[in-house]
Amino acid sequence: MNKVSKRQTTTAETKSKLFDSALTLFSDKSYAATSIRDIIQLAGVTQPTLYYHFSDKADLFQKLVEHHYGQSQQQLIQLVQETEGLRERLLALLIRSFEFCAADPRIPKLMFQTYYGPSIPEVSDTIETLTTSRFQLVVDVMKQGIKAGELTDSNPEFLALSFCCLMDQPINLFSRKPDPSQYLTQELAAAIVELFLNGAASSD
């Protein structure tokens, strides 16, 4: 490996280490309670090293969330585009979202506590942009379902809000468990889709 390649590898590893340490601290302690000193101590780097990669704590948070959450969002968009039928799209969204959570529960923990916690002006725009994009994806799925006659002609925003509540509450709850994959199963995803589409009342 030449010197340039080795330097690039070291730089990428250092940035990844900073991301990982920040994600652990932000999800455990919250963004506001985490200091730059906390991050560099956990990452085992110096303060100038952190500032080489990021301008400040807010910049680190923004790039961290965009890296993880933004990447998953693009995968969800592609998944919806490749799937046909309302039931199938909703099930695919749920299963993939559950898989994201199980792969690294720190990410949903961070998003939920930052979004629903006290407002943090320096990162609120980033959170709002990403959550709005995700919600709009579900709205679009509902619109497609209405157009195809798979849903009654109703308010797609309300339908999307209802479905997101059914989807997000288990993720919020089970991301705090030692092994979320035990709870966030395909069976649970299918049951949630069935509840959303058909309700819980008896047909008798």
C-alpha atoms as a PDB file:
ATOM      1  CA  MET A   1       0.000   0.000   0.000  1.00  0.00           C
ATOM      2  CA  ASN A   2       1.441   3.392  -1.011  1.00  0.00           C
ATOM      3  CA  LYS A   3       1.665   6.364   1.319  1.00  0.00           C
ATOM      4  CA  VAL A   4      -1.398   8.125  -0.136  1.00  0.00           C
ATOM      5  CA  SER A   5      -3.589   5.039   0.128  1.00  0.00           C
ATOM      6  CA  LYS A   6      -2.391   4.362   3.661  1.00  0.00           C
ATOM      7  CA  ARG A   7      -3.120   7.961   4.672  1.00  0.00           C
ATOM      8  CA  GLN A   8      -6.604   7.767   3.134  1.00  0.00           C
ATOM      9  CA  THR A   9      -7.296   4.513   4.964  1.00  0.00           C
ATOM     10  CA  THR A  10      -6.146   5.977   8.278  1.00  0.00           C
ATOM     11  CA  THR A  11      -8.271   9.085   7.735  1.00  0.00           C
ATOM     12  CA  ALA A  12     -11.354   6.999   6.944  1.00  0.00           C
ATOM     13  CA  GLU A  13     -10.770   4.806  10.001  1.00  0.00           C
ATOM     14  CA  THR A  14     -10.402   7.846  12.245  1.00  0.00           C
ATOM     15  CA  LYS A  15     -13.601   9.395  10.906  1.00  0.00           C
ATOM     16  CA  SER A  16     -15.432   6.104  11.379  1.00  0.00           C
ATOM     17  CA  LYS A  17     -14.138   5.904  14.962  1.00  0.00           C
ATOM     18  CA  LEU A  18     -15.397   9.426  15.653  1.00  0.00           C
ATOM     19  CA  PHE A  19     -18.788   8.582  14.147  1.00  0.00           C
ATOM     20  CA  ASP A  20     -19.073   5.442  16.248  1.00  0.00           C
ATOM     21  CA  SER A  21     -18.066   7.178  19.488  1.00  0.00           C
ATOM     22  CA  ALA A  22     -20.401  10.113  18.860  1.00  0.00           C
ATOM     23  CA  LEU A  23     -23.301   7.787  18.052  1.00  0.00           C
ATOM     24  CA  THR A  24     -22.767   5.848  21.281  1.00  0.00           C
ATOM     25  CA  LEU A  25     -22.628   8.999  23.396  1.00  0.00           C
ATOM     26  CA  PHE A  26     -25.418  10.896  21.651  1.00  0.00           C
ATOM     27  CA  SER A  27     -27.789   7.914  21.907  1.00  0.00           C
ATOM     28  CA  ASP A  28     -26.908   7.181  25.556  1.00  0.00           C
ATOM     29  CA  LYS A  29     -26.463  10.666  27.011  1.00  0.00           C
ATOM     30  CA  SER A  30     -28.238  12.849  24.405  1.00  0.00           C
ATOM     31  CA  TYR A  31     -26.714  15.390  22.061  1.00  0.00           C
ATOM     32  CA  ALA A  32     -26.904  18.239  24.563  1.00  0.00           C
ATOM     33  CA  ALA A  33     -25.232  16.293  27.385  1.00  0.00           C
ATOM     34  CA  THR A  34     -22.330  15.083  25.224  1.00  0.00           C
ATOM     35  CA  SER A  35     -19.228  17.238  24.974  1.00  0.00           C
ATOM     36  CA  ILE A  36     -16.425  17.296  22.439  1.00  0.00           C
ATOM     37  CA  ARG A  37     -14.130  16.069  25.214  1.00  0.00           C
ATOM     38  CA  ASP A  38     -16.397  13.043  25.781  1.00  0.00           C
ATOM     39  CA  ILE A  39     -16.213  12.144  22.095  1.00  0.00           C
ATOM     40  CA  ILE A  40     -12.451  12.437  21.671  1.00  0.00           C
ATOM     41  CA  GLN A  41     -11.809  10.499  24.869  1.00  0.00           C
ATOM     42  CA  LEU A  42     -14.013   7.614  23.770  1.00  0.00           C
ATOM     43  CA  ALA A  43     -12.582   7.679  20.240  1.00  0.00           C
ATOM     44  CA  GLY A  44      -9.013   7.886  21.529  1.00  0.00           C
ATOM     45  CA  VAL A  45      -8.088  10.861  19.343  1.00  0.00           C
ATOM     46  CA  THR A  46      -7.001  14.435  19.937  1.00  0.00           C
ATOM     47  CA  GLN A  47      -9.196  17.512  19.693  1.00  0.00           C
ATOM     48  CA  PRO A  48      -7.351  18.826  16.594  1.00  0.00           C
ATOM     49  CA  THR A  49      -8.069  15.478  14.917  1.00  0.00           C
ATOM     50  CA  LEU A  50     -11.786  15.896  15.475  1.00  0.00           C
ATOM     51  CA  TYR A  51     -11.702  19.452  14.152  1.00  0.00           C
ATOM     52  CA  TYR A  52      -9.831  18.250  11.089  1.00  0.00           C
ATOM     53  CA  HIS A  53     -12.895  16.202  10.143  1.00  0.00           C
ATOM     54  CA  PHE A  54     -15.717  18.340  11.571  1.00  0.00           C
ATOM     55  CA  SER A  55     -16.133  22.055  12.204  1.00  0.00           C
ATOM     56  CA  ASP A  56     -17.960  21.564  15.521  1.00  0.00           C
ATOM     57  CA  LYS A  57     -20.263  19.198  17.425  1.00  0.00           C
ATOM     58  CA  ALA A  58     -23.301  20.180  15.351  1.00  0.00           C
ATOM     59  CA  ASP A  59     -21.428  19.439  12.126  1.00  0.00           C
ATOM     60  CA  LEU A  60     -20.438  16.024  13.487  1.00  0.00           C
ATOM     61  CA  PHE A  61     -24.050  15.302  14.445  1.00  0.00           C
ATOM     62  CA  GLN A  62     -25.376  16.386  11.068  1.00  0.00           C
ATOM     63  CA  LYS A  63     -22.916  14.288   9.089  1.00  0.00           C
ATOM     64  CA  LEU A  64     -23.425  11.325  11.420  1.00  0.00           C
ATOM     65  CA  VAL A  65     -27.206  11.341  11.049  1.00  0.00           C
ATOM     66  CA  GLU A  66     -27.069  11.957   7.309  1.00  0.00           C
ATOM     67  CA  HIS A  67     -24.623   9.066   6.938  1.00  0.00           C
ATOM     68  CA  HIS A  68     -26.753   6.538   8.809  1.00  0.00           C
ATOM     69  CA  TYR A  69     -30.324   7.769   8.512  1.00  0.00           C
ATOM     70  CA  GLY A  70     -29.965   9.320   5.080  1.00  0.00           C
ATOM     71  CA  GLN A  71     -28.481   6.109   3.730  1.00  0.00           C
ATOM     72  CA  SER A  72     -31.358   4.034   5.102  1.00  0.00           C
ATOM     73  CA  GLN A  73     -33.856   6.528   3.676  1.00  0.00           C
ATOM     74  CA  GLN A  74     -32.487   6.050   0.166  1.00  0.00           C
ATOM     75  CA  GLN A  75     -32.808   2.294   0.571  1.00  0.00           C
ATOM     76  CA  LEU A  76     -36.447   2.657   1.664  1.00  0.00           C
ATOM     77  CA  ILE A  77     -37.227   4.847  -1.350  1.00  0.00           C
ATOM     78  CA  GLN A  78     -35.690   2.281  -3.690  1.00  0.00           C
ATOM     79  CA  LEU A  79     -37.536  -0.530  -1.932  1.00  0.00           C
ATOM     80  CA  VAL A  80     -40.901   1.189  -2.428  1.00  0.00           C
ATOM     81  CA  GLN A  81     -40.113   1.829  -6.087  1.00  0.00           C
ATOM     82  CA  GLU A  82     -39.300  -1.853  -6.622  1.00  0.00           C
ATOM     83  CA  THR A  83     -42.381  -3.218  -4.788  1.00  0.00           C
ATOM     84  CA  GLU A  84     -45.918  -3.459  -6.180  1.00  0.00           C
ATOM     85  CA  GLY A  85     -49.144  -3.335  -4.189  1.00  0.00           C
ATOM     86  CA  LEU A  86     -50.071  -1.417  -1.039  1.00  0.00           C
ATOM     87  CA  ARG A  87     -49.867  -4.329   1.384  1.00  0.00           C
ATOM     88  CA  GLU A  88     -46.526  -5.408  -0.015  1.00  0.00           C
ATOM     89  CA  ARG A  89     -45.083  -1.884   0.140  1.00  0.00           C
ATOM     90  CA  LEU A  90     -46.186  -1.343   3.735  1.00  0.00           C
ATOM     91  CA  LEU A  91     -44.825  -4.727   4.774  1.00  0.00           C
ATOM     92  CA  ALA A  92     -41.522  -4.055   3.013  1.00  0.00           C
ATOM     93  CA  LEU A  93     -41.216  -0.664   4.746  1.00  0.00           C
ATOM     94  CA  LEU A  94     -41.834  -2.213   8.138  1.00  0.00           C
ATOM     95  CA  ILE A  95     -39.513  -5.169   7.720  1.00  0.00           C
ATOM     96  CA  ARG A  96     -36.653  -3.039   6.410  1.00  0.00           C
ATOM     97  CA  SER A  97     -37.162  -0.443   9.165  1.00  0.00           C
ATOM     98  CA  PHE A  98     -37.107  -3.218  11.762  1.00  0.00           C
ATOM     99  CA  GLU A  99     -33.899  -4.555  10.201  1.00  0.00           C
ATOM    100  CA  PHE A 100     -32.261  -1.124  10.400  1.00  0.00           C
ATOM    101  CA  CYS A 101     -33.140  -0.887  14.075  1.00  0.00           C
ATOM    102  CA  ALA A 102     -31.902  -4.382  14.882  1.00  0.00           C
ATOM    103  CA  ALA A 103     -28.627  -3.750  13.019  1.00  0.00           C
ATOM    104  CA  ASP A 104     -27.769  -0.755  15.214  1.00  0.00           C
ATOM    105  CA  PRO A 105     -30.344   0.245  17.879  1.00  0.00           C
ATOM    106  CA  ARG A 106     -28.319   3.367  18.684  1.00  0.00           C
ATOM    107  CA  ILE A 107     -29.588   5.070  15.533  1.00  0.00           C
ATOM    108  CA  PRO A 108     -33.348   4.976  16.286  1.00  0.00           C
ATOM    109  CA  LYS A 109     -32.638   5.778  19.945  1.00  0.00           C
ATOM    110  CA  LEU A 110     -30.775   8.902  18.868  1.00  0.00           C
ATOM    111  CA  MET A 111     -33.440   9.959  16.368  1.00  0.00           C
ATOM    112  CA  PHE A 112     -36.365   9.502  18.739  1.00  0.00           C
ATOM    113  CA  GLN A 113     -34.798  11.221  21.715  1.00  0.00           C
ATOM    114  CA  THR A 114     -33.562  14.113  19.583  1.00  0.00           C
ATOM    115  CA  TYR A 115     -36.853  14.577  17.740  1.00  0.00           C
ATOM    116  CA  TYR A 116     -39.130  14.252  20.764  1.00  0.00           C
ATOM    117  CA  GLY A 117     -36.780  15.781  23.337  1.00  0.00           C
ATOM    118  CA  PRO A 118     -36.101  19.450  24.056  1.00  0.00           C
ATOM    119  CA  SER A 119     -35.485  21.497  20.929  1.00  0.00           C
ATOM    120  CA  ILE A 120     -31.820  21.794  19.911  1.00  0.00           C
ATOM    121  CA  PRO A 121     -31.648  24.680  17.412  1.00  0.00           C
ATOM    122  CA  GLU A 122     -28.299  23.713  15.882  1.00  0.00           C
ATOM    123  CA  VAL A 123     -29.517  20.251  14.819  1.00  0.00           C
ATOM    124  CA  SER A 124     -33.301  20.668  14.588  1.00  0.00           C
ATOM    125  CA  ASP A 125     -33.247  21.472  10.863  1.00  0.00           C
ATOM    126  CA  THR A 126     -31.342  18.280  10.084  1.00  0.00           C
ATOM    127  CA  ILE A 127     -33.772  16.138  12.083  1.00  0.00           C
ATOM    128  CA  GLU A 128     -36.805  17.873  10.583  1.00  0.00           C
ATOM    129  CA  THR A 129     -35.555  17.415   7.019  1.00  0.00           C
ATOM    130  CA  LEU A 130     -34.915  13.688   7.453  1.00  0.00           C
ATOM    131  CA  THR A 131     -38.134  12.909   9.323  1.00  0.00           C
ATOM    132  CA  THR A 132     -40.198  14.938   6.851  1.00  0.00           C
ATOM    133  CA  SER A 133     -38.626  13.026   3.964  1.00  0.00           C
ATOM    134  CA  ARG A 134     -39.486   9.699   5.602  1.00  0.00           C
ATOM    135  CA  PHE A 135     -43.067  10.787   6.328  1.00  0.00           C
ATOM    136  CA  GLN A 136     -43.516  11.987   2.750  1.00  0.00           C
ATOM    137  CA  LEU A 137     -42.423   8.578   1.510  1.00  0.00           C
ATOM    138  CA  VAL A 138     -45.266   6.977   3.487  1.00  0.00           C
ATOM    139  CA  VAL A 139     -47.698   9.663   2.254  1.00  0.00           C
ATOM    140  CA  ASP A 140     -46.746   8.799  -1.320  1.00  0.00           C
ATOM    141  CA  VAL A 141     -47.403   5.102  -0.627  1.00  0.00           C
ATOM    142  CA  MET A 142     -50.858   6.006   0.699  1.00  0.00           C
ATOM    143  CA  LYS A 143     -51.582   8.141  -2.360  1.00  0.00           C
ATOM    144  CA  GLN A 144     -50.634   5.229  -4.600  1.00  0.00           C
ATOM    145  CA  GLY A 145     -52.928   2.970  -2.566  1.00  0.00           C
ATOM    146  CA  ILE A 146     -55.832   5.409  -2.924  1.00  0.00           C
ATOM    147  CA  LYS A 147     -55.231   5.790  -6.658  1.00  0.00           C
ATOM    148  CA  ALA A 148     -55.163   2.003  -7.108  1.00  0.00           C
ATOM    149  CA  GLY A 149     -58.408   1.598  -5.153  1.00  0.00           C
ATOM    150  CA  GLU A 150     -56.669  -0.324  -2.354  1.00  0.00           C
ATOM    151  CA  LEU A 151     -57.621   2.371   0.174  1.00  0.00           C
ATOM    152  CA  THR A 152     -60.730   4.486   0.533  1.00  0.00           C
ATOM    153  CA  ASP A 153     -60.472   7.994  -0.896  1.00  0.00           C
ATOM    154  CA  SER A 154     -59.370   9.704   2.315  1.00  0.00           C
ATOM    155  CA  ASN A 155     -56.655  12.015   3.597  1.00  0.00           C
ATOM    156  CA  PRO A 156     -53.268  10.406   2.715  1.00  0.00           C
ATOM    157  CA  GLU A 157     -51.448  12.496   5.353  1.00  0.00           C
ATOM    158  CA  PHE A 158     -53.743  11.181   8.087  1.00  0.00           C
ATOM    159  CA  LEU A 159     -53.328   7.618   6.841  1.00  0.00           C
ATOM    160  CA  ALA A 160     -49.547   8.053   6.775  1.00  0.00           C
ATOM    161  CA  LEU A 161     -49.550   9.482  10.295  1.00  0.00           C
ATOM    162  CA  SER A 162     -51.602   6.529  11.548  1.00  0.00           C
ATOM    163  CA  PHE A 163     -49.288   4.005   9.919  1.00  0.00           C
ATOM    164  CA  CYS A 164     -46.131   5.763  11.162  1.00  0.00           C
ATOM    165  CA  CYS A 165     -47.493   5.664  14.713  1.00  0.00           C
ATOM    166  CA  LEU A 166     -48.045   1.904  14.411  1.00  0.00           C
ATOM    167  CA  MET A 167     -44.579   1.464  12.927  1.00  0.00           C
ATOM    168  CA  ASP A 168     -42.552   3.790  15.124  1.00  0.00           C
ATOM    169  CA  GLN A 169     -43.841   2.908  18.573  1.00  0.00           C
ATOM    170  CA  PRO A 170     -42.464  -0.675  18.475  1.00  0.00           C
ATOM    171  CA  ILE A 171     -39.167   0.633  17.074  1.00  0.00           C
ATOM    172  CA  ASN A 172     -38.944   3.245  19.831  1.00  0.00           C
ATOM    173  CA  LEU A 173     -39.788   0.687  22.520  1.00  0.00           C
ATOM    174  CA  PHE A 174     -37.760  -2.298  21.346  1.00  0.00           C
ATOM    175  CA  SER A 175     -34.656  -0.380  20.270  1.00  0.00           C
ATOM    176  CA  ARG A 176     -34.033  -0.029  24.006  1.00  0.00           C
ATOM    177  CA  LYS A 177     -34.034  -3.786  24.558  1.00  0.00           C
ATOM    178  CA  PRO A 178     -30.759  -5.793  24.635  1.00  0.00           C
ATOM    179  CA  ASP A 179     -31.704  -7.650  21.434  1.00  0.00           C
ATOM    180  CA  PRO A 180     -34.326  -5.793  19.358  1.00  0.00           C
ATOM    181  CA  SER A 181     -34.347  -8.514  16.701  1.00  0.00           C
ATOM    182  CA  GLN A 182     -36.196 -10.799  19.137  1.00  0.00           C
ATOM    183  CA  TYR A 183     -39.146  -8.423  19.083  1.00  0.00           C
ATOM    184  CA  LEU A 184     -38.987  -6.636  15.725  1.00  0.00           C
ATOM    185  CA  THR A 185     -39.873  -9.678  13.671  1.00  0.00           C
ATOM    186  CA  GLN A 186     -41.486 -10.211  10.288  1.00  0.00           C
ATOM    187  CA  GLU A 187     -44.490 -11.632  12.137  1.00  0.00           C
ATOM    188  CA  LEU A 188     -44.914  -8.383  14.058  1.00  0.00           C
ATOM    189  CA  ALA A 189     -44.551  -6.416  10.824  1.00  0.00           C
ATOM    190  CA  ALA A 190     -47.267  -8.501   9.157  1.00  0.00           C
ATOM    191  CA  ALA A 191     -49.567  -8.080  12.179  1.00  0.00           C
ATOM    192  CA  ILE A 192     -49.135  -4.296  12.103  1.00  0.00           C
ATOM    193  CA  VAL A 193     -49.954  -4.134   8.392  1.00  0.00           C
ATOM    194  CA  GLU A 194     -53.026  -6.293   8.986  1.00  0.00           C
ATOM    195  CA  LEU A 195     -54.146  -4.040  11.857  1.00  0.00           C
ATOM    196  CA  PHE A 196     -53.696  -0.930   9.729  1.00  0.00           C
ATOM    197  CA  LEU A 197     -55.549  -2.302   6.715  1.00  0.00           C
ATOM    198  CA  ASN A 198     -58.351  -4.236   8.452  1.00  0.00           C
ATOM    199  CA  GLY A 199     -58.596  -2.885  11.999  1.00  0.00           C
ATOM    200  CA  ALA A 200     -59.103  -4.868  15.174  1.00  0.00           C
ATOM    201  CA  ALA A 201     -62.917  -5.021  15.370  1.00  0.00           C
ATOM    202  CA  SER A 202     -64.744  -8.253  14.800  1.00  0.00           C
ATOM    203  CA  SER A 203     -66.646  -8.515  11.529  1.00  0.00           C
ATOM    204  CA  ASP A 204     -69.579 -10.165  13.332  1.00  0.00           C
END
